[in-house]
């Protein structure tokens, strides 16, 4: 599994709008592409967020980046042309432990 992780630092006055957009539009739209099996949106403090998308493998992530990323990034920028700083990283999952 590959985790496609985006960290966002959001200007305080945009935090509520950002959360609403991510929950109601962006994350569902990204999952609808079929390249990811799940996602998590987390917050640290008032204006720092981490989104983790779970891709089955590198091929799925590459497919997303090649065919869908530009469209979804453009939509994001149409809503947040300023006030949001993003960084992206890819993580390869080596092992998962569950304590269920």
PDB file of N, CA and C in Angstrom:
ATOM      1  N   UNK A   1       0.853  -1.172   0.000  1.00  0.00           N
ATOM      2  CA  UNK A   1       0.000   0.000   0.000  1.00  0.00           C
ATOM      3  C   UNK A   1       0.900   1.236   0.000  1.00  0.00           C
ATOM      4  N   UNK A   2       0.441   2.265  -0.690  1.00  0.00           N
ATOM      5  CA  UNK A   2       1.124   3.551  -0.735  1.00  0.00           C
ATOM      6  C   UNK A   2       0.199   4.597  -0.119  1.00  0.00           C
ATOM      7  N   UNK A   3       0.744   5.406   0.775  1.00  0.00           N
ATOM      8  CA  UNK A   3      -0.005   6.520   1.348  1.00  0.00           C
ATOM      9  C   UNK A   3       0.419   7.783   0.622  1.00  0.00           C
ATOM     10  N   UNK A   4      -0.534   8.439  -0.005  1.00  0.00           N
ATOM     11  CA  UNK A   4      -0.319   9.731  -0.647  1.00  0.00           C
ATOM     12  C   UNK A   4      -0.774  10.761   0.376  1.00  0.00           C
ATOM     13  N   UNK A   5       0.176  11.508   0.914  1.00  0.00           N
ATOM     14  CA  UNK A   5      -0.100  12.392   2.051  1.00  0.00           C
ATOM     15  C   UNK A   5       0.092  13.854   1.663  1.00  0.00           C
ATOM     16  N   UNK A   6      -0.900  14.653   2.002  1.00  0.00           N
ATOM     17  CA  UNK A   6      -0.839  16.092   1.774  1.00  0.00           C
ATOM     18  C   UNK A   6      -0.971  16.782   3.126  1.00  0.00           C
ATOM     19  N   UNK A   7      -0.042  17.673   3.400  1.00  0.00           N
ATOM     20  CA  UNK A   7      -0.105  18.481   4.612  1.00  0.00           C
ATOM     21  C   UNK A   7      -0.470  19.898   4.180  1.00  0.00           C
ATOM     22  N   UNK A   8      -1.449  20.482   4.850  1.00  0.00           N
ATOM     23  CA  UNK A   8      -1.918  21.827   4.516  1.00  0.00           C
ATOM     24  C   UNK A   8      -1.857  22.719   5.748  1.00  0.00           C
ATOM     25  N   UNK A   9      -1.266  23.872   5.564  1.00  0.00           N
ATOM     26  CA  UNK A   9      -1.321  24.920   6.574  1.00  0.00           C
ATOM     27  C   UNK A   9      -2.261  25.976   6.023  1.00  0.00           C
ATOM     28  N   UNK A  10      -3.345  26.199   6.748  1.00  0.00           N
ATOM     29  CA  UNK A  10      -4.447  27.017   6.255  1.00  0.00           C
ATOM     30  C   UNK A  10      -4.540  28.299   7.073  1.00  0.00           C
ATOM     31  N   UNK A  11      -4.662  29.409   6.374  1.00  0.00           N
ATOM     32  CA  UNK A  11      -4.856  30.682   7.065  1.00  0.00           C
ATOM     33  C   UNK A  11      -6.081  30.564   7.966  1.00  0.00           C
ATOM     34  N   UNK A  12      -5.980  31.056   9.177  1.00  0.00           N
ATOM     35  CA  UNK A  12      -7.001  30.849  10.203  1.00  0.00           C
ATOM     36  C   UNK A  12      -8.403  31.221   9.730  1.00  0.00           C
ATOM     37  N   UNK A  13      -8.545  32.321   9.020  1.00  0.00           N
ATOM     38  CA  UNK A  13      -9.878  32.744   8.583  1.00  0.00           C
ATOM     39  C   UNK A  13     -10.470  31.830   7.506  1.00  0.00           C
ATOM     40  N   UNK A  14      -9.670  30.920   6.944  1.00  0.00           N
ATOM     41  CA  UNK A  14     -10.156  29.997   5.913  1.00  0.00           C
ATOM     42  C   UNK A  14     -10.388  28.581   6.429  1.00  0.00           C
ATOM     43  N   UNK A  15     -10.046  28.324   7.688  1.00  0.00           N
ATOM     44  CA  UNK A  15     -10.098  26.959   8.216  1.00  0.00           C
ATOM     45  C   UNK A  15     -11.472  26.316   8.081  1.00  0.00           C
ATOM     46  N   UNK A  16     -12.514  27.009   8.454  1.00  0.00           N
ATOM     47  CA  UNK A  16     -13.863  26.433   8.386  1.00  0.00           C
ATOM     48  C   UNK A  16     -14.247  26.122   6.934  1.00  0.00           C
ATOM     49  N   UNK A  17     -13.979  27.047   6.039  1.00  0.00           N
ATOM     50  CA  UNK A  17     -14.273  26.846   4.617  1.00  0.00           C
ATOM     51  C   UNK A  17     -13.464  25.668   4.060  1.00  0.00           C
ATOM     52  N   UNK A  18     -12.203  25.587   4.461  1.00  0.00           N
ATOM     53  CA  UNK A  18     -11.326  24.504   4.002  1.00  0.00           C
ATOM     54  C   UNK A  18     -11.867  23.144   4.455  1.00  0.00           C
ATOM     55  N   UNK A  19     -12.201  23.020   5.726  1.00  0.00           N
ATOM     56  CA  UNK A  19     -12.724  21.750   6.239  1.00  0.00           C
ATOM     57  C   UNK A  19     -13.987  21.340   5.486  1.00  0.00           C
ATOM     58  N   UNK A  20     -14.889  22.268   5.308  1.00  0.00           N
ATOM     59  CA  UNK A  20     -16.137  21.976   4.618  1.00  0.00           C
ATOM     60  C   UNK A  20     -15.873  21.514   3.179  1.00  0.00           C
ATOM     61  N   UNK A  21     -15.016  22.219   2.482  1.00  0.00           N
ATOM     62  CA  UNK A  21     -14.682  21.863   1.107  1.00  0.00           C
ATOM     63  C   UNK A  21     -14.041  20.477   1.034  1.00  0.00           C
ATOM     64  N   UNK A  22     -13.101  20.201   1.920  1.00  0.00           N
ATOM     65  CA  UNK A  22     -12.419  18.917   1.884  1.00  0.00           C
ATOM     66  C   UNK A  22     -13.382  17.764   2.182  1.00  0.00           C
ATOM     67  N   UNK A  23     -14.230  17.947   3.195  1.00  0.00           N
ATOM     68  CA  UNK A  23     -15.151  16.885   3.620  1.00  0.00           C
ATOM     69  C   UNK A  23     -16.273  16.668   2.611  1.00  0.00           C
ATOM     70  N   UNK A  24     -16.822  17.744   2.093  1.00  0.00           N
ATOM     71  CA  UNK A  24     -17.995  17.627   1.233  1.00  0.00           C
ATOM     72  C   UNK A  24     -17.673  17.470  -0.251  1.00  0.00           C
ATOM     73  N   UNK A  25     -16.496  17.927  -0.680  1.00  0.00           N
ATOM     74  CA  UNK A  25     -16.223  17.911  -2.108  1.00  0.00           C
ATOM     75  C   UNK A  25     -14.914  17.222  -2.494  1.00  0.00           C
ATOM     76  N   UNK A  26     -13.789  17.768  -2.035  1.00  0.00           N
ATOM     77  CA  UNK A  26     -12.501  17.334  -2.578  1.00  0.00           C
ATOM     78  C   UNK A  26     -12.191  15.864  -2.288  1.00  0.00           C
ATOM     79  N   UNK A  27     -12.292  15.456  -1.043  1.00  0.00           N
ATOM     80  CA  UNK A  27     -11.966  14.066  -0.708  1.00  0.00           C
ATOM     81  C   UNK A  27     -12.940  13.096  -1.380  1.00  0.00           C
ATOM     82  N   UNK A  28     -14.259  13.347  -1.341  1.00  0.00           N
ATOM     83  CA  UNK A  28     -15.160  12.445  -2.074  1.00  0.00           C
ATOM     84  C   UNK A  28     -14.858  12.396  -3.576  1.00  0.00           C
ATOM     85  N   UNK A  29     -14.529  13.549  -4.189  1.00  0.00           N
ATOM     86  CA  UNK A  29     -14.198  13.567  -5.616  1.00  0.00           C
ATOM     87  C   UNK A  29     -12.945  12.736  -5.895  1.00  0.00           C
ATOM     88  N   UNK A  30     -11.956  12.851  -5.039  1.00  0.00           N
ATOM     89  CA  UNK A  30     -10.723  12.098  -5.230  1.00  0.00           C
ATOM     90  C   UNK A  30     -10.978  10.593  -5.075  1.00  0.00           C
ATOM     91  N   UNK A  31     -11.742  10.213  -4.070  1.00  0.00           N
ATOM     92  CA  UNK A  31     -12.044   8.795  -3.873  1.00  0.00           C
ATOM     93  C   UNK A  31     -12.863   8.234  -5.035  1.00  0.00           C
ATOM     94  N   UNK A  32     -13.693   9.076  -5.635  1.00  0.00           N
ATOM     95  CA  UNK A  32     -14.528   8.659  -6.760  1.00  0.00           C
ATOM     96  C   UNK A  32     -13.705   8.269  -7.989  1.00  0.00           C
ATOM     97  N   UNK A  33     -12.444   8.692  -8.047  1.00  0.00           N
ATOM     98  CA  UNK A  33     -11.597   8.337  -9.189  1.00  0.00           C
ATOM     99  C   UNK A  33     -11.316   6.843  -9.234  1.00  0.00           C
ATOM    100  N   UNK A  34     -11.441   6.155  -8.088  1.00  0.00           N
ATOM    101  CA  UNK A  34     -11.209   4.719  -8.040  1.00  0.00           C
ATOM    102  C   UNK A  34      -9.762   4.316  -7.823  1.00  0.00           C
ATOM    103  N   UNK A  35      -8.872   5.282  -7.702  1.00  0.00           N
ATOM    104  CA  UNK A  35      -7.458   4.962  -7.515  1.00  0.00           C
ATOM    105  C   UNK A  35      -7.090   4.746  -6.044  1.00  0.00           C
ATOM    106  N   UNK A  36      -7.983   5.103  -5.133  1.00  0.00           N
ATOM    107  CA  UNK A  36      -7.689   5.019  -3.701  1.00  0.00           C
ATOM    108  C   UNK A  36      -8.768   4.212  -2.992  1.00  0.00           C
ATOM    109  N   UNK A  37      -8.355   3.485  -1.961  1.00  0.00           N
ATOM    110  CA  UNK A  37      -9.306   2.648  -1.220  1.00  0.00           C
ATOM    111  C   UNK A  37      -9.828   3.327   0.041  1.00  0.00           C
ATOM    112  N   UNK A  38      -9.215   4.421   0.466  1.00  0.00           N
ATOM    113  CA  UNK A  38      -9.666   5.121   1.660  1.00  0.00           C
ATOM    114  C   UNK A  38      -8.907   6.409   1.852  1.00  0.00           C
ATOM    115  N   UNK A  39      -9.361   7.191   2.831  1.00  0.00           N
ATOM    116  CA  UNK A  39      -8.724   8.476   3.123  1.00  0.00           C
ATOM    117  C   UNK A  39      -8.956   8.840   4.578  1.00  0.00           C
ATOM    118  N   UNK A  40      -8.071   9.694   5.096  1.00  0.00           N
ATOM    119  CA  UNK A  40      -8.201  10.251   6.458  1.00  0.00           C
ATOM    120  C   UNK A  40      -7.917  11.736   6.391  1.00  0.00           C
ATOM    121  N   UNK A  41      -8.715  12.509   7.087  1.00  0.00           N
ATOM    122  CA  UNK A  41      -8.468  13.942   7.253  1.00  0.00           C
ATOM    123  C   UNK A  41      -8.252  14.176   8.742  1.00  0.00           C
ATOM    124  N   UNK A  42      -7.089  14.714   9.095  1.00  0.00           N
ATOM    125  CA  UNK A  42      -6.781  14.974  10.495  1.00  0.00           C
ATOM    126  C   UNK A  42      -6.350  16.426  10.654  1.00  0.00           C
ATOM    127  N   UNK A  43      -6.469  16.915  11.889  1.00  0.00           N
ATOM    128  CA  UNK A  43      -6.126  18.310  12.181  1.00  0.00           C
ATOM    129  C   UNK A  43      -5.212  18.352  13.400  1.00  0.00           C
ATOM    130  N   UNK A  44      -4.242  19.247  13.336  1.00  0.00           N
ATOM    131  CA  UNK A  44      -3.362  19.519  14.462  1.00  0.00           C
ATOM    132  C   UNK A  44      -3.460  21.005  14.749  1.00  0.00           C
ATOM    133  N   UNK A  45      -4.080  21.337  15.851  1.00  0.00           N
ATOM    134  CA  UNK A  45      -4.301  22.752  16.136  1.00  0.00           C
ATOM    135  C   UNK A  45      -5.414  23.305  15.271  1.00  0.00           C
ATOM    136  N   UNK A  46      -5.447  24.601  15.140  1.00  0.00           N
ATOM    137  CA  UNK A  46      -6.540  25.241  14.418  1.00  0.00           C
ATOM    138  C   UNK A  46      -6.371  25.243  12.907  1.00  0.00           C
ATOM    139  N   UNK A  47      -5.134  25.222  12.420  1.00  0.00           N
ATOM    140  CA  UNK A  47      -4.988  25.465  10.986  1.00  0.00           C
ATOM    141  C   UNK A  47      -3.979  24.570  10.272  1.00  0.00           C
ATOM    142  N   UNK A  48      -3.655  23.431  10.830  1.00  0.00           N
ATOM    143  CA  UNK A  48      -2.743  22.500  10.168  1.00  0.00           C
ATOM    144  C   UNK A  48      -3.472  21.172   9.979  1.00  0.00           C
ATOM    145  N   UNK A  49      -3.474  20.685   8.741  1.00  0.00           N
ATOM    146  CA  UNK A  49      -4.235  19.490   8.382  1.00  0.00           C
ATOM    147  C   UNK A  49      -3.346  18.494   7.663  1.00  0.00           C
ATOM    148  N   UNK A  50      -3.707  17.229   7.789  1.00  0.00           N
ATOM    149  CA  UNK A  50      -3.039  16.165   7.057  1.00  0.00           C
ATOM    150  C   UNK A  50      -4.118  15.287   6.444  1.00  0.00           C
ATOM    151  N   UNK A  51      -3.984  15.034   5.154  1.00  0.00           N
ATOM    152  CA  UNK A  51      -4.885  14.145   4.446  1.00  0.00           C
ATOM    153  C   UNK A  51      -4.057  12.972   3.957  1.00  0.00           C
ATOM    154  N   UNK A  52      -4.510  11.779   4.254  1.00  0.00           N
ATOM    155  CA  UNK A  52      -3.812  10.571   3.819  1.00  0.00           C
ATOM    156  C   UNK A  52      -4.757   9.751   2.955  1.00  0.00           C
ATOM    157  N   UNK A  53      -4.340   9.537   1.720  1.00  0.00           N
ATOM    158  CA  UNK A  53      -5.096   8.722   0.771  1.00  0.00           C
ATOM    159  C   UNK A  53      -4.373   7.393   0.618  1.00  0.00           C
ATOM    160  N   UNK A  54      -5.111   6.297   0.673  1.00  0.00           N
ATOM    161  CA  UNK A  54      -4.536   4.960   0.600  1.00  0.00           C
ATOM    162  C   UNK A  54      -4.681   4.404  -0.818  1.00  0.00           C
ATOM    163  N   UNK A  55      -3.547   4.267  -1.502  1.00  0.00           N
ATOM    164  CA  UNK A  55      -3.527   3.649  -2.825  1.00  0.00           C
ATOM    165  C   UNK A  55      -3.109   2.190  -2.671  1.00  0.00           C
ATOM    166  N   UNK A  56      -3.698   1.327  -3.451  1.00  0.00           N
ATOM    167  CA  UNK A  56      -3.389  -0.100  -3.348  1.00  0.00           C
ATOM    168  C   UNK A  56      -1.913  -0.376  -3.645  1.00  0.00           C
ATOM    169  N   UNK A  57      -1.367   0.361  -4.623  1.00  0.00           N
ATOM    170  CA  UNK A  57       0.028   0.172  -5.013  1.00  0.00           C
ATOM    171  C   UNK A  57       0.509   1.409  -5.769  1.00  0.00           C
ATOM    172  N   UNK A  58       1.759   1.397  -6.155  1.00  0.00           N
ATOM    173  CA  UNK A  58       2.362   2.541  -6.849  1.00  0.00           C
ATOM    174  C   UNK A  58       1.689   2.790  -8.199  1.00  0.00           C
ATOM    175  N   UNK A  59       1.273   1.732  -8.861  1.00  0.00           N
ATOM    176  CA  UNK A  59       0.594   1.856 -10.155  1.00  0.00           C
ATOM    177  C   UNK A  59      -0.695   2.671 -10.019  1.00  0.00           C
ATOM    178  N   UNK A  60      -1.449   2.432  -8.957  1.00  0.00           N
ATOM    179  CA  UNK A  60      -2.687   3.189  -8.727  1.00  0.00           C
ATOM    180  C   UNK A  60      -2.378   4.660  -8.485  1.00  0.00           C
ATOM    181  N   UNK A  61      -1.372   4.945  -7.663  1.00  0.00           N
ATOM    182  CA  UNK A  61      -1.007   6.339  -7.407  1.00  0.00           C
ATOM    183  C   UNK A  61      -0.538   7.010  -8.689  1.00  0.00           C
ATOM    184  N   UNK A  62       0.294   6.325  -9.463  1.00  0.00           N
ATOM    185  CA  UNK A  62       0.761   6.898 -10.728  1.00  0.00           C
ATOM    186  C   UNK A  62      -0.402   7.157 -11.677  1.00  0.00           C
ATOM    187  N   UNK A  63      -1.366   6.244 -11.705  1.00  0.00           N
ATOM    188  CA  UNK A  63      -2.549   6.440 -12.547  1.00  0.00           C
ATOM    189  C   UNK A  63      -3.309   7.693 -12.159  1.00  0.00           C
ATOM    190  N   UNK A  64      -3.485   7.890 -10.862  1.00  0.00           N
ATOM    191  CA  UNK A  64      -4.150   9.102 -10.379  1.00  0.00           C
ATOM    192  C   UNK A  64      -3.372  10.351 -10.794  1.00  0.00           C
ATOM    193  N   UNK A  65      -2.068  10.337 -10.540  1.00  0.00           N
ATOM    194  CA  UNK A  65      -1.250  11.517 -10.837  1.00  0.00           C
ATOM    195  C   UNK A  65      -1.252  11.841 -12.330  1.00  0.00           C
ATOM    196  N   UNK A  66      -1.293  10.828 -13.174  1.00  0.00           N
ATOM    197  CA  UNK A  66      -1.270  11.028 -14.618  1.00  0.00           C
ATOM    198  C   UNK A  66      -2.613  11.468 -15.195  1.00  0.00           C
ATOM    199  N   UNK A  67      -3.712  11.008 -14.606  1.00  0.00           N
ATOM    200  CA  UNK A  67      -5.011  11.229 -15.252  1.00  0.00           C
ATOM    201  C   UNK A  67      -5.968  12.157 -14.509  1.00  0.00           C
ATOM    202  N   UNK A  68      -5.845  12.277 -13.201  1.00  0.00           N
ATOM    203  CA  UNK A  68      -6.855  13.005 -12.425  1.00  0.00           C
ATOM    204  C   UNK A  68      -6.316  14.158 -11.582  1.00  0.00           C
ATOM    205  N   UNK A  69      -5.058  14.107 -11.206  1.00  0.00           N
ATOM    206  CA  UNK A  69      -4.511  15.092 -10.257  1.00  0.00           C
ATOM    207  C   UNK A  69      -4.636  16.520 -10.758  1.00  0.00           C
ATOM    208  N   UNK A  70      -4.332  16.775 -12.018  1.00  0.00           N
ATOM    209  CA  UNK A  70      -4.371  18.148 -12.541  1.00  0.00           C
ATOM    210  C   UNK A  70      -5.774  18.743 -12.413  1.00  0.00           C
ATOM    211  N   UNK A  71      -6.786  17.968 -12.736  1.00  0.00           N
ATOM    212  CA  UNK A  71      -8.182  18.447 -12.652  1.00  0.00           C
ATOM    213  C   UNK A  71      -8.566  18.773 -11.210  1.00  0.00           C
ATOM    214  N   UNK A  72      -8.245  17.875 -10.282  1.00  0.00           N
ATOM    215  CA  UNK A  72      -8.630  18.101  -8.889  1.00  0.00           C
ATOM    216  C   UNK A  72      -7.809  19.214  -8.244  1.00  0.00           C
ATOM    217  N   UNK A  73      -6.559  19.344  -8.615  1.00  0.00           N
ATOM    218  CA  UNK A  73      -5.738  20.441  -8.101  1.00  0.00           C
ATOM    219  C   UNK A  73      -6.247  21.777  -8.626  1.00  0.00           C
ATOM    220  N   UNK A  74      -6.678  21.814  -9.879  1.00  0.00           N
ATOM    221  CA  UNK A  74      -7.233  23.055 -10.443  1.00  0.00           C
ATOM    222  C   UNK A  74      -8.504  23.469  -9.705  1.00  0.00           C
ATOM    223  N   UNK A  75      -9.351  22.496  -9.383  1.00  0.00           N
ATOM    224  CA  UNK A  75     -10.570  22.807  -8.638  1.00  0.00           C
ATOM    225  C   UNK A  75     -10.224  23.338  -7.254  1.00  0.00           C
ATOM    226  N   UNK A  76      -9.233  22.714  -6.609  1.00  0.00           N
ATOM    227  CA  UNK A  76      -8.799  23.184  -5.294  1.00  0.00           C
ATOM    228  C   UNK A  76      -8.317  24.634  -5.381  1.00  0.00           C
ATOM    229  N   UNK A  77      -7.488  24.928  -6.373  1.00  0.00           N
ATOM    230  CA  UNK A  77      -6.960  26.289  -6.530  1.00  0.00           C
ATOM    231  C   UNK A  77      -8.045  27.301  -6.870  1.00  0.00           C
ATOM    232  N   UNK A  78      -9.105  26.859  -7.522  1.00  0.00           N
ATOM    233  CA  UNK A  78     -10.227  27.755  -7.800  1.00  0.00           C
ATOM    234  C   UNK A  78     -10.919  28.181  -6.507  1.00  0.00           C
ATOM    235  N   UNK A  79     -10.874  27.324  -5.494  1.00  0.00           N
ATOM    236  CA  UNK A  79     -11.496  27.639  -4.199  1.00  0.00           C
ATOM    237  C   UNK A  79     -10.518  28.281  -3.218  1.00  0.00           C
ATOM    238  N   UNK A  80      -9.236  27.979  -3.357  1.00  0.00           N
ATOM    239  CA  UNK A  80      -8.225  28.474  -2.416  1.00  0.00           C
ATOM    240  C   UNK A  80      -7.001  28.951  -3.194  1.00  0.00           C
ATOM    241  N   UNK A  81      -7.154  30.082  -3.860  1.00  0.00           N
ATOM    242  CA  UNK A  81      -6.043  30.616  -4.654  1.00  0.00           C
ATOM    243  C   UNK A  81      -4.941  31.182  -3.770  1.00  0.00           C
ATOM    244  N   UNK A  82      -5.272  31.452  -2.522  1.00  0.00           N
ATOM    245  CA  UNK A  82      -4.281  31.921  -1.557  1.00  0.00           C
ATOM    246  C   UNK A  82      -4.715  31.495  -0.163  1.00  0.00           C
ATOM    247  N   UNK A  83      -3.766  31.531   0.775  1.00  0.00           N
ATOM    248  CA  UNK A  83      -4.088  31.227   2.163  1.00  0.00           C
ATOM    249  C   UNK A  83      -3.918  29.772   2.573  1.00  0.00           C
ATOM    250  N   UNK A  84      -3.470  28.920   1.634  1.00  0.00           N
ATOM    251  CA  UNK A  84      -3.241  27.516   1.947  1.00  0.00           C
ATOM    252  C   UNK A  84      -1.878  27.119   1.380  1.00  0.00           C
ATOM    253  N   UNK A  85      -1.017  26.624   2.258  1.00  0.00           N
ATOM    254  CA  UNK A  85       0.289  26.109   1.829  1.00  0.00           C
ATOM    255  C   UNK A  85       0.243  24.590   1.892  1.00  0.00           C
ATOM    256  N   UNK A  86       0.664  23.948   0.803  1.00  0.00           N
ATOM    257  CA  UNK A  86       0.589  22.492   0.705  1.00  0.00           C
ATOM    258  C   UNK A  86       1.962  21.864   0.538  1.00  0.00           C
ATOM    259  N   UNK A  87       2.113  20.681   1.090  1.00  0.00           N
ATOM    260  CA  UNK A  87       3.271  19.838   0.785  1.00  0.00           C
ATOM    261  C   UNK A  87       2.749  18.421   0.583  1.00  0.00           C
ATOM    262  N   UNK A  88       3.420  17.684  -0.289  1.00  0.00           N
ATOM    263  CA  UNK A  88       2.985  16.325  -0.619  1.00  0.00           C
ATOM    264  C   UNK A  88       4.134  15.347  -0.420  1.00  0.00           C
ATOM    265  N   UNK A  89       3.781  14.156   0.066  1.00  0.00           N
ATOM    266  CA  UNK A  89       4.757  13.074   0.224  1.00  0.00           C
ATOM    267  C   UNK A  89       4.078  11.749  -0.065  1.00  0.00           C
ATOM    268  N   UNK A  90       4.863  10.794  -0.524  1.00  0.00           N
ATOM    269  CA  UNK A  90       4.387   9.427  -0.728  1.00  0.00           C
ATOM    270  C   UNK A  90       5.094   8.528   0.273  1.00  0.00           C
ATOM    271  N   UNK A  91       4.325   7.654   0.911  1.00  0.00           N
ATOM    272  CA  UNK A  91       4.864   6.741   1.921  1.00  0.00           C
ATOM    273  C   UNK A  91       4.512   5.316   1.521  1.00  0.00           C
ATOM    274  N   UNK A  92       5.481   4.449   1.560  1.00  0.00           N
ATOM    275  CA  UNK A  92       5.245   3.035   1.327  1.00  0.00           C
ATOM    276  C   UNK A  92       4.976   2.363   2.669  1.00  0.00           C
ATOM    277  N   UNK A  93       3.842   1.698   2.791  1.00  0.00           N
ATOM    278  CA  UNK A  93       3.496   1.007   4.028  1.00  0.00           C
ATOM    279  C   UNK A  93       4.266  -0.308   4.068  1.00  0.00           C
ATOM    280  N   UNK A  94       5.056  -0.473   5.094  1.00  0.00           N
ATOM    281  CA  UNK A  94       5.859  -1.678   5.253  1.00  0.00           C
ATOM    282  C   UNK A  94       5.162  -2.736   6.086  1.00  0.00           C
ATOM    283  N   UNK A  95       4.411  -2.288   7.094  1.00  0.00           N
ATOM    284  CA  UNK A  95       3.730  -3.220   7.989  1.00  0.00           C
ATOM    285  C   UNK A  95       2.578  -2.489   8.667  1.00  0.00           C
ATOM    286  N   UNK A  96       1.498  -3.210   8.917  1.00  0.00           N
ATOM    287  CA  UNK A  96       0.344  -2.653   9.645  1.00  0.00           C
ATOM    288  C   UNK A  96       0.079  -3.551  10.837  1.00  0.00           C
ATOM    289  N   UNK A  97      -0.104  -2.960  11.987  1.00  0.00           N
ATOM    290  CA  UNK A  97      -0.517  -3.672  13.194  1.00  0.00           C
ATOM    291  C   UNK A  97      -1.884  -3.150  13.598  1.00  0.00           C
ATOM    292  N   UNK A  98      -2.769  -4.041  13.953  1.00  0.00           N
ATOM    293  CA  UNK A  98      -4.083  -3.664  14.462  1.00  0.00           C
ATOM    294  C   UNK A  98      -4.272  -4.283  15.829  1.00  0.00           C
ATOM    295  N   UNK A  99      -4.875  -3.550  16.714  1.00  0.00           N
ATOM    296  CA  UNK A  99      -5.129  -4.024  18.065  1.00  0.00           C
ATOM    297  C   UNK A  99      -6.634  -4.091  18.311  1.00  0.00           C
ATOM    298  N   UNK A 100      -7.305  -4.813  17.422  1.00  0.00           N
ATOM    299  CA  UNK A 100      -8.770  -4.941  17.528  1.00  0.00           C
ATOM    300  C   UNK A 100      -9.165  -6.079  18.421  1.00  0.00           C
TER     301      UNK A 100
END
